[in-house]
Structures are given as structure tokens and as C-alpha cells.
Amino acid sequence: MADKLIRLSDSVSVMASAIISVSRADYSDYVIVKTNDGCTHSADRGYGEAAYTTKSRLIDEINAALAQTDASE
């Protein structure tokens, strides 16, 4: 099974298959990623990147990684 690490910050990367949710905290600029082991991580935004854009970028990266995983099986 081919899986891909998704970079959330300078110090945290998680496997795409371990991510269960990506959300933007209400009334804030934080993007929160939850994993299947119960951990919650805050994802770094790119320079000048809005929280909505960060959330969409992460979702696209995760979906692309999981699509490659499905294709390789």
C-alpha cells in the first residue's frame, strides 16, 4: 500500500490515511486536522494564505494521496 505523508507544519507530518477530518475553527484563522489516533494538530498556513485556502489545499493533497493509494492496489 502506497501512502503519502501530508505536511501540516515544520514539525508535524501525518499519513494521509490517518486523517479523519480537516476543519477551520469558527471565527479564527486556524485549520485543525484530526487523526484516527485521537490527536489534533494545527496546520500551518502558507505566507499570505487564508485559512479557507489552507483547508482546501490540505483536502486536495489528502484526496490526491488517497486516490494514488487506491490506484496502486
C-alpha atoms as a PDB file:
ATOM      1  CA  MET A   1       0.000   0.000   0.000  1.00  0.00           C
ATOM      2  CA  ALA A   2       1.427   3.334  -1.033  1.00  0.00           C
ATOM      3  CA  ASP A   3       0.568   6.140   1.368  1.00  0.00           C
ATOM      4  CA  LYS A   4       1.835   9.689   1.473  1.00  0.00           C
ATOM      5  CA  LEU A   5       2.881  11.975   4.296  1.00  0.00           C
ATOM      6  CA  ILE A   6       0.978  15.248   4.442  1.00  0.00           C
ATOM      7  CA  ARG A   7       2.969  18.145   5.917  1.00  0.00           C
ATOM      8  CA  LEU A   8       0.951  20.133   8.448  1.00  0.00           C
ATOM      9  CA  SER A   9       3.740  22.247   9.949  1.00  0.00           C
ATOM     10  CA  ASP A  10       7.517  22.397  10.212  1.00  0.00           C
ATOM     11  CA  SER A  11       7.441  19.737  12.913  1.00  0.00           C
ATOM     12  CA  VAL A  12       4.382  17.607  12.061  1.00  0.00           C
ATOM     13  CA  SER A  13       3.537  15.396   9.089  1.00  0.00           C
ATOM     14  CA  VAL A  14       0.899  12.671   9.129  1.00  0.00           C
ATOM     15  CA  MET A  15      -0.050   9.853   6.800  1.00  0.00           C
ATOM     16  CA  ALA A  16      -2.951  10.747   4.506  1.00  0.00           C
ATOM     17  CA  SER A  17      -4.807   7.579   5.503  1.00  0.00           C
ATOM     18  CA  ALA A  18      -4.658   8.581   9.194  1.00  0.00           C
ATOM     19  CA  ILE A  19      -6.508  11.877   8.733  1.00  0.00           C
ATOM     20  CA  ILE A  20     -10.197  11.763   9.628  1.00  0.00           C
ATOM     21  CA  SER A  21     -11.124  15.463   9.468  1.00  0.00           C
ATOM     22  CA  VAL A  22      -9.926  18.886   8.370  1.00  0.00           C
ATOM     23  CA  SER A  23     -11.773  21.895   9.764  1.00  0.00           C
ATOM     24  CA  ARG A  24     -11.427  25.612  10.211  1.00  0.00           C
ATOM     25  CA  ALA A  25     -12.074  26.751  13.738  1.00  0.00           C
ATOM     26  CA  ASP A  26     -15.014  29.165  13.964  1.00  0.00           C
ATOM     27  CA  TYR A  27     -14.023  32.828  13.966  1.00  0.00           C
ATOM     28  CA  SER A  28     -10.306  32.097  13.754  1.00  0.00           C
ATOM     29  CA  ASP A  29      -7.524  31.592  11.255  1.00  0.00           C
ATOM     30  CA  TYR A  30      -6.627  28.090  12.471  1.00  0.00           C
ATOM     31  CA  VAL A  31      -7.005  24.933  10.426  1.00  0.00           C
ATOM     32  CA  ILE A  32      -7.406  21.866  12.634  1.00  0.00           C
ATOM     33  CA  VAL A  33      -6.555  18.325  11.485  1.00  0.00           C
ATOM     34  CA  LYS A  34      -7.746  15.304  13.471  1.00  0.00           C
ATOM     35  CA  THR A  35      -6.224  11.857  13.076  1.00  0.00           C
ATOM     36  CA  ASN A  36      -7.576   8.380  13.712  1.00  0.00           C
ATOM     37  CA  ASP A  37      -5.442   8.008  16.873  1.00  0.00           C
ATOM     38  CA  GLY A  38      -7.279  10.926  18.502  1.00  0.00           C
ATOM     39  CA  CYS A  39      -4.576  13.570  18.040  1.00  0.00           C
ATOM     40  CA  THR A  40      -5.466  17.093  16.985  1.00  0.00           C
ATOM     41  CA  HIS A  41      -2.972  19.189  15.020  1.00  0.00           C
ATOM     42  CA  SER A  42      -2.940  22.773  13.823  1.00  0.00           C
ATOM     43  CA  ALA A  43      -1.873  23.149  10.189  1.00  0.00           C
ATOM     44  CA  ASP A  44       0.424  25.999   9.173  1.00  0.00           C
ATOM     45  CA  ARG A  45      -0.872  28.417   6.577  1.00  0.00           C
ATOM     46  CA  GLY A  46       1.352  29.487   3.706  1.00  0.00           C
ATOM     47  CA  TYR A  47       2.571  33.086   3.593  1.00  0.00           C
ATOM     48  CA  GLY A  48      -0.453  35.255   2.817  1.00  0.00           C
ATOM     49  CA  GLU A  49      -2.685  32.181   2.557  1.00  0.00           C
ATOM     50  CA  ALA A  50      -6.184  32.395   4.013  1.00  0.00           C
ATOM     51  CA  ALA A  51      -7.453  29.672   6.332  1.00  0.00           C
ATOM     52  CA  TYR A  52     -10.078  28.663   3.756  1.00  0.00           C
ATOM     53  CA  THR A  53      -7.351  28.245   1.125  1.00  0.00           C
ATOM     54  CA  THR A  54      -5.205  26.198   3.513  1.00  0.00           C
ATOM     55  CA  LYS A  55      -8.138  23.912   4.285  1.00  0.00           C
ATOM     56  CA  SER A  56      -8.898  23.398   0.584  1.00  0.00           C
ATOM     57  CA  ARG A  57      -5.217  22.770  -0.228  1.00  0.00           C
ATOM     58  CA  LEU A  58      -4.917  20.143   2.500  1.00  0.00           C
ATOM     59  CA  ILE A  59      -8.110  18.400   1.419  1.00  0.00           C
ATOM     60  CA  ASP A  60      -6.853  18.311  -2.176  1.00  0.00           C
ATOM     61  CA  GLU A  61      -3.473  16.878  -1.066  1.00  0.00           C
ATOM     62  CA  ILE A  62      -5.163  14.226   1.088  1.00  0.00           C
ATOM     63  CA  ASN A  63      -7.607  13.205  -1.649  1.00  0.00           C
ATOM     64  CA  ALA A  64      -4.805  13.004  -4.239  1.00  0.00           C
ATOM     65  CA  ALA A  65      -2.697  10.828  -1.931  1.00  0.00           C
ATOM     66  CA  LEU A  66      -5.601   8.517  -1.182  1.00  0.00           C
ATOM     67  CA  ALA A  67      -6.511   8.295  -4.895  1.00  0.00           C
ATOM     68  CA  GLN A  68      -2.932   7.182  -5.652  1.00  0.00           C
ATOM     69  CA  THR A  69      -3.222   4.605  -2.872  1.00  0.00           C
ATOM     70  CA  ASP A  70      -6.461   3.222  -4.338  1.00  0.00           C
ATOM     71  CA  ALA A  71      -4.971   3.104  -7.856  1.00  0.00           C
ATOM     72  CA  SER A  72      -1.914   1.155  -6.693  1.00  0.00           C
ATOM     73  CA  GLU A  73      -3.933  -1.631  -5.057  1.00  0.00           C
END
